[in-house]
């Protein structure tokens, strides 16, 4: 297939830290790195089939979210990032301690500066660069104002809350979402 420049499967396999949490019903496929104390929640899909996905330490991808890539752009989340429920994060870079609100969409090549908030339902268009510490709203999204230090610090606190919640789930044996290794036969 000429239209598919590169296809990482079946060679690419997920790399999952021993203390990462993947909820049942979540799917992690291909070249995906889940770093220390990261979490992927119910119904989320991380599909690193044509490029790589990185979920940084203590970051969380909440229920029903999708992370995907393009031929030219990986999908990289920094440390202590929260991706809210049903968000789509596609082939972009998200800096440390960012909150991506519920239902937000971030498109190819966008760069989200550290300690920013992408509001619920916002649409960050292709190639948009968001400065650090910004509140971003709308469709198409635009910077509304700079965040206060308190607001920026709240992003990290929210991510750490999800670390604690995932520890509780792991302690109850509630992990074991689907990590797809090419060639495996699912029972």
N, C-alpha and C. Protein backbone atom coordinates (compact mmCIF):
# COMPACT_ATOMS: atom_id res chain seq x y z
N UNK A 1 0.84 -1.18 0.00
CA UNK A 1 0.00 0.00 0.00
C UNK A 1 0.88 1.24 0.00
N UNK A 2 0.88 1.94 -1.09
CA UNK A 2 1.71 3.13 -1.22
C UNK A 2 1.26 4.25 -0.29
N UNK A 3 -0.05 4.33 -0.02
CA UNK A 3 -0.57 5.42 0.80
C UNK A 3 -0.12 5.34 2.25
N UNK A 4 0.27 4.18 2.69
CA UNK A 4 0.73 4.01 4.07
C UNK A 4 2.25 4.04 4.05
N UNK A 5 2.83 5.19 4.39
CA UNK A 5 4.28 5.36 4.30
C UNK A 5 5.03 4.40 5.22
N UNK A 6 4.53 4.28 6.43
CA UNK A 6 5.16 3.34 7.36
C UNK A 6 4.08 2.76 8.24
N UNK A 7 4.27 1.54 8.60
CA UNK A 7 3.30 0.87 9.46
C UNK A 7 4.12 0.10 10.48
N UNK A 8 4.09 0.53 11.73
CA UNK A 8 4.99 -0.01 12.75
C UNK A 8 4.63 -1.42 13.21
N UNK A 9 3.39 -1.82 13.00
CA UNK A 9 3.01 -3.16 13.41
C UNK A 9 3.47 -4.12 12.33
N UNK A 10 3.88 -5.34 12.59
CA UNK A 10 3.85 -5.99 13.88
C UNK A 10 5.10 -5.80 14.74
N UNK A 11 6.07 -5.02 14.28
CA UNK A 11 7.32 -4.90 15.04
C UNK A 11 7.17 -4.13 16.35
N UNK A 12 6.39 -3.07 16.34
CA UNK A 12 6.28 -2.20 17.52
C UNK A 12 5.47 -2.86 18.62
N UNK A 13 5.96 -2.70 19.83
CA UNK A 13 5.27 -3.25 20.99
C UNK A 13 5.21 -2.20 22.09
N UNK A 14 4.13 -2.20 22.86
CA UNK A 14 4.03 -1.25 23.97
C UNK A 14 5.12 -1.49 25.02
N UNK A 15 5.56 -0.40 25.63
CA UNK A 15 6.48 -0.45 26.75
C UNK A 15 5.75 0.16 27.94
N UNK A 16 5.46 -0.66 28.93
CA UNK A 16 4.61 -0.24 30.05
C UNK A 16 5.40 -0.35 31.35
N UNK A 17 5.54 0.76 32.07
CA UNK A 17 6.22 0.74 33.37
C UNK A 17 5.49 -0.22 34.31
N UNK A 18 6.25 -0.84 35.19
CA UNK A 18 5.68 -1.83 36.11
C UNK A 18 4.58 -1.25 36.99
N UNK A 19 4.65 0.04 37.28
CA UNK A 19 3.65 0.65 38.16
C UNK A 19 2.63 1.51 37.41
N UNK A 20 2.57 1.35 36.08
CA UNK A 20 1.53 2.03 35.30
C UNK A 20 0.22 1.25 35.45
N UNK A 21 -0.90 1.95 35.28
CA UNK A 21 -2.22 1.34 35.40
C UNK A 21 -2.95 1.43 34.07
N UNK A 22 -3.45 0.28 33.60
CA UNK A 22 -4.29 0.24 32.41
C UNK A 22 -5.61 -0.41 32.83
N UNK A 23 -6.69 0.35 32.75
CA UNK A 23 -8.00 -0.15 33.17
C UNK A 23 -8.50 -1.20 32.19
N UNK A 24 -9.33 -2.10 32.70
CA UNK A 24 -9.98 -3.07 31.83
C UNK A 24 -10.81 -2.32 30.81
N UNK A 25 -10.74 -2.77 29.57
CA UNK A 25 -11.49 -2.11 28.50
C UNK A 25 -10.71 -1.04 27.78
N UNK A 26 -9.55 -0.67 28.30
CA UNK A 26 -8.67 0.26 27.59
C UNK A 26 -7.80 -0.56 26.64
N UNK A 27 -7.39 0.05 25.53
CA UNK A 27 -6.55 -0.65 24.56
C UNK A 27 -5.30 0.18 24.29
N UNK A 28 -4.15 -0.48 24.42
CA UNK A 28 -2.84 0.13 24.16
C UNK A 28 -2.19 -0.72 23.08
N UNK A 29 -1.91 -0.11 21.92
CA UNK A 29 -1.49 -0.88 20.75
C UNK A 29 -0.29 -0.22 20.08
N UNK A 30 0.72 -1.02 19.75
CA UNK A 30 1.85 -0.54 18.96
C UNK A 30 2.91 0.16 19.78
N UNK A 31 3.52 1.18 19.18
CA UNK A 31 4.67 1.88 19.77
C UNK A 31 4.19 2.90 20.80
N UNK A 32 3.79 2.38 21.95
CA UNK A 32 3.28 3.22 23.04
C UNK A 32 4.17 3.04 24.25
N UNK A 33 4.61 4.15 24.85
CA UNK A 33 5.39 4.12 26.08
C UNK A 33 4.54 4.69 27.20
N UNK A 34 4.29 3.88 28.22
CA UNK A 34 3.60 4.35 29.42
C UNK A 34 4.64 4.42 30.53
N UNK A 35 4.94 5.63 30.97
CA UNK A 35 5.99 5.82 31.97
C UNK A 35 5.46 5.64 33.40
N UNK A 36 6.34 5.79 34.35
CA UNK A 36 6.08 5.51 35.76
C UNK A 36 4.82 6.22 36.25
N UNK A 37 3.98 5.45 36.94
CA UNK A 37 2.77 5.92 37.61
C UNK A 37 1.79 6.60 36.65
N UNK A 38 1.89 6.29 35.37
CA UNK A 38 0.90 6.81 34.41
C UNK A 38 -0.33 5.91 34.47
N UNK A 39 -1.44 6.41 33.93
CA UNK A 39 -2.66 5.60 33.95
C UNK A 39 -3.49 5.86 32.69
N UNK A 40 -4.12 4.78 32.23
CA UNK A 40 -5.01 4.81 31.07
C UNK A 40 -6.32 4.21 31.54
N UNK A 41 -7.41 4.98 31.43
CA UNK A 41 -8.68 4.61 32.05
C UNK A 41 -9.65 3.99 31.07
N UNK A 42 -10.77 3.55 31.59
CA UNK A 42 -11.76 2.74 30.89
C UNK A 42 -12.15 3.30 29.53
N UNK A 43 -12.11 2.42 28.52
CA UNK A 43 -12.57 2.77 27.19
C UNK A 43 -11.64 3.64 26.37
N UNK A 44 -10.46 3.92 26.87
CA UNK A 44 -9.50 4.74 26.12
C UNK A 44 -8.75 3.87 25.11
N UNK A 45 -8.31 4.51 24.02
CA UNK A 45 -7.54 3.82 22.99
C UNK A 45 -6.28 4.63 22.72
N UNK A 46 -5.13 3.98 22.83
CA UNK A 46 -3.83 4.57 22.49
C UNK A 46 -3.27 3.72 21.37
N UNK A 47 -3.24 4.27 20.15
CA UNK A 47 -2.91 3.49 18.96
C UNK A 47 -1.65 4.04 18.30
N UNK A 48 -0.51 3.42 18.64
CA UNK A 48 0.77 3.80 18.08
C UNK A 48 1.14 2.91 16.92
N UNK A 49 0.33 2.93 15.87
CA UNK A 49 0.53 2.01 14.76
C UNK A 49 1.42 2.56 13.65
N UNK A 50 1.48 3.87 13.47
CA UNK A 50 2.33 4.43 12.42
C UNK A 50 3.36 5.43 12.95
N UNK A 51 3.33 5.67 14.24
CA UNK A 51 4.31 6.52 14.91
C UNK A 51 4.18 6.22 16.40
N UNK A 52 4.95 6.88 17.23
CA UNK A 52 4.95 6.52 18.64
C UNK A 52 4.08 7.44 19.49
N UNK A 53 3.63 6.89 20.61
CA UNK A 53 2.91 7.64 21.62
C UNK A 53 3.70 7.53 22.91
N UNK A 54 3.88 8.65 23.60
CA UNK A 54 4.56 8.67 24.89
C UNK A 54 3.62 9.30 25.91
N UNK A 55 3.37 8.57 26.99
CA UNK A 55 2.60 9.11 28.12
C UNK A 55 3.59 9.25 29.26
N UNK A 56 3.90 10.49 29.61
CA UNK A 56 4.94 10.78 30.59
C UNK A 56 4.60 10.34 32.00
N UNK A 57 5.59 10.41 32.89
CA UNK A 57 5.40 9.99 34.28
C UNK A 57 4.24 10.73 34.94
N UNK A 58 3.43 9.99 35.67
CA UNK A 58 2.33 10.52 36.48
C UNK A 58 1.26 11.21 35.64
N UNK A 59 1.20 10.89 34.36
CA UNK A 59 0.15 11.43 33.49
C UNK A 59 -1.01 10.45 33.43
N UNK A 60 -2.20 10.97 33.12
CA UNK A 60 -3.38 10.11 33.04
C UNK A 60 -4.20 10.43 31.81
N UNK A 61 -4.74 9.36 31.20
CA UNK A 61 -5.61 9.46 30.04
C UNK A 61 -6.96 8.92 30.51
N UNK A 62 -7.92 9.81 30.66
CA UNK A 62 -9.18 9.43 31.29
C UNK A 62 -10.14 8.75 30.32
N UNK A 63 -11.22 8.25 30.88
CA UNK A 63 -12.19 7.39 30.20
C UNK A 63 -12.60 7.90 28.82
N UNK A 64 -12.55 6.98 27.85
CA UNK A 64 -13.06 7.24 26.52
C UNK A 64 -12.21 8.15 25.65
N UNK A 65 -10.99 8.42 26.05
CA UNK A 65 -10.12 9.30 25.26
C UNK A 65 -9.38 8.51 24.19
N UNK A 66 -8.94 9.22 23.16
CA UNK A 66 -8.18 8.61 22.07
C UNK A 66 -6.89 9.38 21.88
N UNK A 67 -5.77 8.66 21.87
CA UNK A 67 -4.47 9.21 21.50
C UNK A 67 -4.03 8.48 20.25
N UNK A 68 -3.69 9.23 19.20
CA UNK A 68 -3.24 8.62 17.95
C UNK A 68 -2.14 9.49 17.36
N UNK A 69 -1.63 9.08 16.22
CA UNK A 69 -0.44 9.68 15.62
C UNK A 69 -0.65 9.89 14.12
N UNK A 70 0.32 10.52 13.47
CA UNK A 70 0.34 10.61 12.01
C UNK A 70 1.70 10.13 11.54
N UNK A 71 1.86 10.00 10.24
CA UNK A 71 3.17 9.61 9.70
C UNK A 71 4.27 10.54 10.18
N UNK A 72 3.96 11.84 10.23
CA UNK A 72 4.98 12.85 10.51
C UNK A 72 5.09 13.26 11.96
N UNK A 73 4.07 12.98 12.77
CA UNK A 73 4.05 13.48 14.15
C UNK A 73 3.72 12.37 15.14
N UNK A 74 4.57 12.26 16.14
CA UNK A 74 4.26 11.39 17.28
C UNK A 74 3.24 12.10 18.17
N UNK A 75 2.77 11.42 19.18
CA UNK A 75 1.90 12.02 20.19
C UNK A 75 2.64 11.90 21.52
N UNK A 76 3.03 13.04 22.09
CA UNK A 76 3.87 13.03 23.29
C UNK A 76 3.19 13.85 24.38
N UNK A 77 2.95 13.20 25.52
CA UNK A 77 2.45 13.88 26.71
C UNK A 77 3.60 13.97 27.70
N UNK A 78 3.82 15.13 28.27
CA UNK A 78 4.86 15.31 29.27
C UNK A 78 4.47 14.69 30.60
N UNK A 79 5.13 15.12 31.66
CA UNK A 79 4.88 14.62 33.01
C UNK A 79 3.66 15.31 33.61
N UNK A 80 2.90 14.56 34.39
CA UNK A 80 1.75 15.07 35.15
C UNK A 80 0.73 15.79 34.26
N UNK A 81 0.44 15.18 33.12
CA UNK A 81 -0.59 15.68 32.20
C UNK A 81 -1.89 14.95 32.51
N UNK A 82 -3.00 15.67 32.50
CA UNK A 82 -4.32 15.07 32.62
C UNK A 82 -5.06 15.27 31.31
N UNK A 83 -5.46 14.15 30.69
CA UNK A 83 -6.30 14.18 29.49
C UNK A 83 -7.70 13.81 29.95
N UNK A 84 -8.62 14.78 29.93
CA UNK A 84 -9.97 14.58 30.43
C UNK A 84 -10.78 13.60 29.59
N UNK A 85 -11.90 13.19 30.14
CA UNK A 85 -12.78 12.20 29.52
C UNK A 85 -13.12 12.58 28.08
N UNK A 86 -13.05 11.59 27.19
CA UNK A 86 -13.47 11.68 25.78
C UNK A 86 -12.72 12.74 24.97
N UNK A 87 -11.52 13.05 25.39
CA UNK A 87 -10.69 13.97 24.60
C UNK A 87 -10.01 13.21 23.46
N UNK A 88 -9.65 13.94 22.41
CA UNK A 88 -8.87 13.38 21.30
C UNK A 88 -7.57 14.18 21.22
N UNK A 89 -6.46 13.47 21.36
CA UNK A 89 -5.13 14.08 21.32
C UNK A 89 -4.41 13.41 20.16
N UNK A 90 -4.23 14.14 19.06
CA UNK A 90 -3.76 13.52 17.82
C UNK A 90 -2.45 14.13 17.35
N UNK A 91 -1.40 13.33 17.35
CA UNK A 91 -0.14 13.68 16.70
C UNK A 91 0.36 15.07 17.09
N UNK A 92 0.49 15.30 18.39
CA UNK A 92 0.88 16.61 18.90
C UNK A 92 1.78 16.45 20.12
N UNK A 93 2.26 17.56 20.64
CA UNK A 93 3.11 17.55 21.83
C UNK A 93 2.43 18.37 22.92
N UNK A 94 2.29 17.75 24.09
CA UNK A 94 1.64 18.40 25.23
C UNK A 94 2.69 18.49 26.34
N UNK A 95 2.98 19.70 26.79
CA UNK A 95 4.01 19.93 27.81
C UNK A 95 3.62 19.42 29.18
N UNK A 96 4.54 19.52 30.11
CA UNK A 96 4.32 19.06 31.49
C UNK A 96 3.18 19.82 32.15
N UNK A 97 2.45 19.11 33.01
CA UNK A 97 1.44 19.69 33.89
C UNK A 97 0.37 20.48 33.14
N UNK A 98 -0.10 19.89 32.04
CA UNK A 98 -1.19 20.46 31.25
C UNK A 98 -2.47 19.71 31.58
N UNK A 99 -3.58 20.43 31.61
CA UNK A 99 -4.91 19.83 31.72
C UNK A 99 -5.60 19.98 30.36
N UNK A 100 -5.93 18.83 29.75
CA UNK A 100 -6.72 18.81 28.52
C UNK A 100 -8.14 18.48 28.96
N UNK A 101 -9.05 19.43 28.81
CA UNK A 101 -10.40 19.29 29.32
C UNK A 101 -11.21 18.23 28.60
N UNK A 102 -12.33 17.86 29.22
CA UNK A 102 -13.22 16.84 28.67
C UNK A 102 -13.68 17.23 27.27
N UNK A 103 -13.59 16.28 26.36
CA UNK A 103 -14.08 16.49 25.01
C UNK A 103 -13.25 17.43 24.15
N UNK A 104 -12.11 17.87 24.65
CA UNK A 104 -11.23 18.73 23.85
C UNK A 104 -10.60 17.92 22.73
N UNK A 105 -10.23 18.62 21.66
CA UNK A 105 -9.55 17.99 20.53
C UNK A 105 -8.30 18.80 20.23
N UNK A 106 -7.16 18.09 20.14
CA UNK A 106 -5.89 18.73 19.78
C UNK A 106 -5.38 18.02 18.53
N UNK A 107 -5.15 18.79 17.47
CA UNK A 107 -4.82 18.20 16.17
C UNK A 107 -3.32 18.22 15.86
N UNK A 108 -2.99 17.60 14.75
CA UNK A 108 -1.63 17.33 14.30
C UNK A 108 -0.70 18.53 14.40
N UNK A 109 0.47 18.27 14.96
CA UNK A 109 1.53 19.27 15.00
C UNK A 109 1.35 20.38 16.00
N UNK A 110 0.24 20.37 16.74
CA UNK A 110 0.05 21.39 17.77
C UNK A 110 1.07 21.19 18.88
N UNK A 111 1.45 22.28 19.52
CA UNK A 111 2.38 22.23 20.65
C UNK A 111 1.75 23.01 21.79
N UNK A 112 1.51 22.30 22.89
CA UNK A 112 0.85 22.90 24.05
C UNK A 112 1.91 23.17 25.11
N UNK A 113 2.08 24.42 25.48
CA UNK A 113 3.07 24.81 26.47
C UNK A 113 2.74 24.28 27.85
N UNK A 114 3.76 24.06 28.65
CA UNK A 114 3.62 23.52 30.00
C UNK A 114 2.65 24.36 30.84
N UNK A 115 2.01 23.67 31.79
CA UNK A 115 1.14 24.29 32.80
C UNK A 115 0.00 25.10 32.19
N UNK A 116 -0.52 24.64 31.05
CA UNK A 116 -1.66 25.28 30.39
C UNK A 116 -2.92 24.49 30.66
N UNK A 117 -4.06 25.10 30.38
CA UNK A 117 -5.35 24.42 30.42
C UNK A 117 -6.01 24.57 29.06
N UNK A 118 -6.36 23.44 28.46
CA UNK A 118 -7.16 23.41 27.24
C UNK A 118 -8.58 23.12 27.73
N UNK A 119 -9.47 24.08 27.61
CA UNK A 119 -10.81 23.98 28.20
C UNK A 119 -11.61 22.85 27.56
N UNK A 120 -12.61 22.38 28.30
CA UNK A 120 -13.51 21.35 27.80
C UNK A 120 -14.11 21.79 26.47
N UNK A 121 -14.10 20.88 25.51
CA UNK A 121 -14.70 21.14 24.21
C UNK A 121 -13.90 22.01 23.26
N UNK A 122 -12.72 22.45 23.66
CA UNK A 122 -11.90 23.30 22.79
C UNK A 122 -11.38 22.50 21.60
N UNK A 123 -11.17 23.17 20.48
CA UNK A 123 -10.58 22.57 19.29
C UNK A 123 -9.29 23.31 18.96
N UNK A 124 -8.15 22.67 19.26
CA UNK A 124 -6.84 23.24 18.95
C UNK A 124 -6.48 22.75 17.55
N UNK A 125 -6.42 23.66 16.60
CA UNK A 125 -6.23 23.29 15.20
C UNK A 125 -4.78 22.92 14.89
N UNK A 126 -4.63 22.32 13.71
CA UNK A 126 -3.34 21.82 13.24
C UNK A 126 -2.26 22.89 13.32
N UNK A 127 -1.12 22.50 13.92
CA UNK A 127 0.06 23.37 13.96
C UNK A 127 0.01 24.52 14.94
N UNK A 128 -1.03 24.62 15.74
CA UNK A 128 -1.14 25.72 16.70
C UNK A 128 -0.08 25.58 17.79
N UNK A 129 0.53 26.69 18.18
CA UNK A 129 1.50 26.71 19.27
C UNK A 129 0.90 27.53 20.40
N UNK A 130 0.76 26.90 21.56
CA UNK A 130 0.19 27.54 22.74
C UNK A 130 1.32 27.85 23.72
N UNK A 131 1.46 29.10 24.16
CA UNK A 131 2.52 29.45 25.12
C UNK A 131 2.28 28.80 26.49
N UNK A 132 3.34 28.65 27.25
CA UNK A 132 3.23 28.11 28.62
C UNK A 132 2.26 28.94 29.44
N UNK A 133 1.56 28.23 30.36
CA UNK A 133 0.72 28.91 31.33
C UNK A 133 -0.50 29.60 30.76
N UNK A 134 -1.07 29.06 29.68
CA UNK A 134 -2.20 29.69 29.01
C UNK A 134 -3.52 28.98 29.30
N UNK A 135 -4.60 29.76 29.35
CA UNK A 135 -5.96 29.22 29.34
C UNK A 135 -6.45 29.32 27.91
N UNK A 136 -6.85 28.18 27.34
CA UNK A 136 -7.21 28.09 25.93
C UNK A 136 -8.66 27.61 25.83
N UNK A 137 -9.47 28.36 25.08
CA UNK A 137 -10.89 28.02 24.96
C UNK A 137 -11.36 28.23 23.53
N UNK A 138 -12.47 27.57 23.19
CA UNK A 138 -13.17 27.86 21.95
C UNK A 138 -12.89 26.90 20.82
N UNK A 139 -13.61 27.15 19.71
CA UNK A 139 -13.49 26.34 18.51
C UNK A 139 -13.58 27.26 17.30
N UNK A 140 -12.47 27.61 16.67
CA UNK A 140 -11.13 27.15 17.01
C UNK A 140 -10.63 27.76 18.32
N UNK A 141 -9.75 27.04 18.97
CA UNK A 141 -9.25 27.48 20.28
C UNK A 141 -8.35 28.70 20.14
N UNK A 142 -8.42 29.54 21.17
CA UNK A 142 -7.52 30.70 21.25
C UNK A 142 -7.13 30.90 22.71
N UNK A 143 -6.01 31.55 22.91
CA UNK A 143 -5.56 31.86 24.27
C UNK A 143 -6.46 32.98 24.80
N UNK A 144 -7.09 32.72 25.95
CA UNK A 144 -7.99 33.69 26.57
C UNK A 144 -7.24 34.58 27.55
N UNK A 145 -6.34 33.96 28.31
CA UNK A 145 -5.55 34.72 29.29
C UNK A 145 -4.44 33.83 29.83
N UNK A 146 -3.54 34.45 30.57
CA UNK A 146 -2.51 33.69 31.28
C UNK A 146 -3.12 33.13 32.56
N UNK A 147 -2.66 31.94 32.94
CA UNK A 147 -3.12 31.32 34.18
C UNK A 147 -2.34 31.87 35.37
N UNK A 148 -3.00 31.95 36.51
CA UNK A 148 -2.31 32.33 37.75
C UNK A 148 -1.40 31.18 38.18
N UNK A 149 -0.47 31.47 39.07
CA UNK A 149 0.39 30.42 39.62
C UNK A 149 -0.44 29.34 40.29
N UNK A 150 -1.48 29.76 41.00
CA UNK A 150 -2.35 28.80 41.69
C UNK A 150 -3.05 27.87 40.69
N UNK A 151 -3.54 28.43 39.61
CA UNK A 151 -4.20 27.61 38.58
C UNK A 151 -3.21 26.64 37.94
N UNK A 152 -2.01 27.11 37.68
CA UNK A 152 -0.99 26.24 37.09
C UNK A 152 -0.64 25.09 38.03
N UNK A 153 -0.50 25.39 39.32
CA UNK A 153 -0.17 24.35 40.30
C UNK A 153 -1.30 23.34 40.45
N UNK A 154 -2.54 23.77 40.23
CA UNK A 154 -3.68 22.87 40.34
C UNK A 154 -3.62 21.75 39.30
N UNK A 155 -3.02 22.03 38.13
CA UNK A 155 -2.88 20.99 37.11
C UNK A 155 -2.07 19.81 37.63
N UNK A 156 -0.94 20.10 38.26
CA UNK A 156 -0.09 19.03 38.80
C UNK A 156 -0.81 18.29 39.92
N UNK A 157 -1.53 19.02 40.76
CA UNK A 157 -2.26 18.38 41.86
C UNK A 157 -3.32 17.42 41.34
N UNK A 158 -4.00 17.81 40.26
CA UNK A 158 -5.01 16.92 39.67
C UNK A 158 -4.37 15.64 39.16
N UNK A 159 -3.25 15.77 38.47
CA UNK A 159 -2.56 14.58 37.96
C UNK A 159 -2.13 13.67 39.11
N UNK A 160 -1.63 14.25 40.20
CA UNK A 160 -1.20 13.45 41.35
C UNK A 160 -2.39 12.77 42.03
N UNK A 161 -3.55 13.39 41.97
CA UNK A 161 -4.77 12.75 42.49
C UNK A 161 -5.04 11.46 41.71
N UNK A 162 -4.87 11.51 40.39
CA UNK A 162 -5.09 10.31 39.58
C UNK A 162 -4.03 9.25 39.84
N UNK A 163 -2.81 9.65 40.19
CA UNK A 163 -1.81 8.67 40.60
C UNK A 163 -2.32 7.92 41.82
N UNK A 164 -2.83 8.65 42.81
CA UNK A 164 -3.34 8.03 44.03
C UNK A 164 -4.52 7.10 43.73
N UNK A 165 -5.44 7.55 42.90
CA UNK A 165 -6.60 6.72 42.55
C UNK A 165 -6.13 5.45 41.84
N UNK A 166 -5.19 5.57 40.92
CA UNK A 166 -4.71 4.38 40.21
C UNK A 166 -4.01 3.41 41.16
N UNK A 167 -3.32 3.92 42.19
CA UNK A 167 -2.68 3.04 43.19
C UNK A 167 -3.76 2.21 43.90
N UNK A 168 -4.88 2.84 44.21
CA UNK A 168 -5.97 2.12 44.87
C UNK A 168 -6.53 1.03 43.97
N UNK A 169 -6.73 1.36 42.69
CA UNK A 169 -7.23 0.36 41.75
C UNK A 169 -6.25 -0.80 41.63
N UNK A 170 -4.96 -0.50 41.52
CA UNK A 170 -3.96 -1.57 41.43
C UNK A 170 -3.98 -2.44 42.68
N UNK A 171 -4.12 -1.82 43.84
CA UNK A 171 -4.15 -2.58 45.11
C UNK A 171 -5.34 -3.53 45.16
N UNK A 172 -6.43 -3.17 44.46
CA UNK A 172 -7.62 -4.03 44.42
C UNK A 172 -7.57 -5.01 43.25
N UNK A 173 -6.48 -5.00 42.49
CA UNK A 173 -6.35 -5.92 41.37
C UNK A 173 -7.22 -5.56 40.17
N UNK A 174 -7.50 -4.28 39.99
CA UNK A 174 -8.43 -3.86 38.94
C UNK A 174 -7.77 -3.36 37.67
N UNK A 175 -6.49 -3.62 37.49
CA UNK A 175 -5.82 -3.22 36.25
C UNK A 175 -6.06 -4.21 35.14
N UNK A 176 -5.07 -4.46 34.34
CA UNK A 176 -5.07 -5.49 33.30
C UNK A 176 -5.94 -5.15 32.10
N UNK A 177 -5.84 -3.91 31.63
CA UNK A 177 -6.46 -3.58 30.36
C UNK A 177 -5.74 -4.31 29.24
N UNK A 178 -6.15 -4.10 28.02
CA UNK A 178 -5.61 -4.84 26.89
C UNK A 178 -4.37 -4.13 26.36
N UNK A 179 -3.25 -4.82 26.43
CA UNK A 179 -2.03 -4.36 25.78
C UNK A 179 -1.82 -5.30 24.61
N UNK A 180 -1.90 -4.77 23.42
CA UNK A 180 -1.82 -5.61 22.22
C UNK A 180 -0.37 -5.80 21.81
N UNK A 181 0.04 -7.05 21.84
CA UNK A 181 1.34 -7.44 21.32
C UNK A 181 1.06 -8.18 20.01
N UNK A 182 1.54 -7.68 18.89
CA UNK A 182 1.27 -8.34 17.62
C UNK A 182 1.63 -9.82 17.67
N UNK A 183 0.76 -10.63 17.08
CA UNK A 183 0.99 -12.06 17.06
C UNK A 183 0.37 -12.79 18.23
N UNK A 184 -0.05 -12.06 19.27
CA UNK A 184 -0.70 -12.71 20.40
C UNK A 184 -2.10 -13.14 20.02
N UNK A 185 -2.51 -14.24 20.55
CA UNK A 185 -3.88 -14.70 20.36
C UNK A 185 -4.64 -14.35 21.62
N UNK A 186 -5.71 -13.58 21.47
CA UNK A 186 -6.52 -13.19 22.62
C UNK A 186 -7.50 -14.31 22.95
N UNK A 187 -7.60 -14.64 24.22
CA UNK A 187 -8.51 -15.70 24.65
C UNK A 187 -9.94 -15.20 24.67
